[in-house]
Each structure stands twice: as structure tokens, then as C-alpha cells.
Amino acid sequence: MAPDYELTDNPLRHCYEFHIDGYTPKVQYIKSRYGDVYLTHTEVPFPLRRHGIGSQLVNKVLHALSQQDIRVIPVCRFVAAYIHKHPQWKHVILRETQLI
């Protein structure tokens, strides 16, 4: 299991990030004018894959948005799949997207 990493919001790059040994796993977002957040892309650098970092990142992003009462539109397939596997996060979804 991966260590517990600190989530950082980088509004200039429109992404939530971890900083791990010179790498930056991230979830990119678009904030709507209504205050909702589209989670558009998750990226974990190759050397960090298969260690649960992507799942921890998405979990922390969903938790942070939930704490702020912000609704999510999961455009990213990884985020949508994570929510599907962890239905306790369905309460943060504004609108579900179809996995293709």
C-alpha cells in the first residue's frame, strides 16, 4: 500500500496533485461557472503506477470536493470507474457519465 500523500490544489494548472520523488501524479479539472467540477483526466507517471497512488489521489480529490459541498462530473474514465467501485462517493456526483 502507498504511503499517505498530501493533496495539493494547483489552480494555475487546473489540477489536484501529489508530489512524490520529483513526480507529479494529478487529476485535471474544469470548474464550471455554477461551482461544479468536471474531473477530466487522471495521470500517474509510469514509475509510480501499480502502487495505488491513482486510487489514493482520486479518493482524496473526492473527499476534498465533498467537504466543500462541490458536485462532480466524472469525465475521466479512471475517476468514473473508481466511483463505480466505491459507491460511497456517488453522493458527490452531479451527473454520471457513461464508461465506453
Protein backbone atom coordinates (compact mmCIF):
# COMPACT_ATOMS: atom_id res chain seq x y z
CA MET A 1 0.00 0.00 0.00
CA ALA A 2 1.19 3.51 -0.84
CA PRO A 3 2.14 5.99 1.88
CA ASP A 4 -0.41 8.70 2.69
CA TYR A 5 0.38 11.58 0.32
CA GLU A 6 -0.69 15.20 0.73
CA LEU A 7 -3.15 16.56 -1.83
CA THR A 8 -2.40 19.96 -3.35
CA ASP A 9 -4.76 22.07 -5.47
CA ASN A 10 -2.85 23.78 -8.27
CA PRO A 11 -5.39 26.29 -9.66
CA LEU A 12 -2.93 27.69 -12.20
CA ARG A 13 -2.61 24.25 -13.84
CA HIS A 14 -6.23 23.27 -13.07
CA CYS A 15 -5.29 20.09 -11.27
CA TYR A 16 -5.07 18.36 -7.93
CA GLU A 17 -1.62 16.90 -7.36
CA PHE A 18 0.65 14.75 -5.26
CA HIS A 19 4.38 15.48 -5.24
CA ILE A 20 6.34 12.23 -4.99
CA ASP A 21 10.11 11.97 -5.54
CA GLY A 22 10.12 14.51 -8.37
CA TYR A 23 6.95 13.12 -10.00
CA THR A 24 3.52 14.75 -10.06
CA PRO A 25 0.51 12.43 -10.26
CA LYS A 26 -2.54 14.61 -10.96
CA VAL A 27 -6.25 14.86 -11.63
CA GLN A 28 -7.07 17.68 -14.04
CA TYR A 29 -10.31 19.61 -13.63
CA ILE A 30 -12.51 22.30 -15.08
CA LYS A 31 -14.62 24.38 -12.70
CA SER A 32 -17.96 25.44 -14.15
CA ARG A 33 -19.42 28.88 -13.59
CA TYR A 34 -22.05 27.14 -11.40
CA GLY A 35 -19.42 25.84 -8.99
CA ASP A 36 -19.40 22.22 -10.19
CA VAL A 37 -16.16 20.47 -11.09
CA TYR A 38 -15.52 18.33 -14.15
CA LEU A 39 -12.75 15.82 -13.40
CA THR A 40 -11.30 15.40 -16.87
CA HIS A 41 -8.08 13.39 -16.69
CA THR A 42 -6.03 11.39 -14.21
CA GLU A 43 -2.32 10.91 -14.80
CA VAL A 44 0.15 8.86 -12.78
CA PRO A 45 3.74 8.83 -14.09
CA PHE A 46 4.82 5.39 -15.24
CA PRO A 47 7.35 4.70 -12.42
CA LEU A 48 4.58 5.27 -9.83
CA ARG A 49 1.91 3.09 -11.41
CA ARG A 50 0.55 -0.07 -9.79
CA HIS A 51 1.09 1.21 -6.24
CA GLY A 52 -2.42 2.51 -5.51
CA ILE A 53 -1.38 6.13 -6.00
CA GLY A 54 -4.08 6.89 -8.60
CA SER A 55 -6.80 5.48 -6.33
CA GLN A 56 -5.50 7.42 -3.33
CA LEU A 57 -5.36 10.58 -5.43
CA VAL A 58 -8.95 10.24 -6.66
CA ASN A 59 -10.16 9.36 -3.16
CA LYS A 60 -8.56 12.48 -1.70
CA VAL A 61 -9.90 14.68 -4.52
CA LEU A 62 -13.43 13.38 -3.96
CA HIS A 63 -13.08 13.85 -0.22
CA ALA A 64 -11.83 17.45 -0.62
CA LEU A 65 -14.65 18.34 -3.01
CA SER A 66 -17.24 16.66 -0.79
CA GLN A 67 -16.02 18.67 2.21
CA GLN A 68 -16.66 21.84 0.21
CA ASP A 69 -20.12 20.64 -0.99
CA ILE A 70 -18.89 20.75 -4.59
CA ARG A 71 -20.60 18.43 -7.06
CA VAL A 72 -18.53 16.39 -9.52
CA ILE A 73 -18.96 15.38 -13.14
CA PRO A 74 -16.53 12.46 -13.67
CA VAL A 75 -15.45 12.80 -17.30
CA CYS A 76 -12.22 10.87 -16.69
CA ARG A 77 -12.70 7.11 -17.13
CA PHE A 78 -10.44 6.33 -14.16
CA VAL A 79 -12.44 8.60 -11.85
CA ALA A 80 -15.76 7.18 -13.11
CA ALA A 81 -14.51 3.61 -12.61
CA TYR A 82 -13.26 4.49 -9.11
CA ILE A 83 -16.66 5.89 -8.13
CA HIS A 84 -18.38 2.83 -9.62
CA LYS A 85 -16.17 0.57 -7.44
CA HIS A 86 -16.65 2.81 -4.37
CA PRO A 87 -20.37 3.72 -4.33
CA GLN A 88 -19.96 5.72 -1.10
CA TRP A 89 -18.81 8.56 -3.39
CA LYS A 90 -21.97 8.63 -5.51
CA HIS A 91 -23.33 11.44 -3.33
CA VAL A 92 -20.79 13.89 -4.80
CA ILE A 93 -21.79 13.20 -8.40
CA LEU A 94 -23.83 15.86 -10.17
CA ARG A 95 -24.14 13.84 -13.34
CA GLU A 96 -22.75 10.43 -14.21
CA THR A 97 -21.01 9.83 -17.49
CA GLN A 98 -21.10 6.60 -19.43
CA LEU A 99 -17.99 4.44 -19.48
CA ILE A 100 -17.25 3.44 -23.05
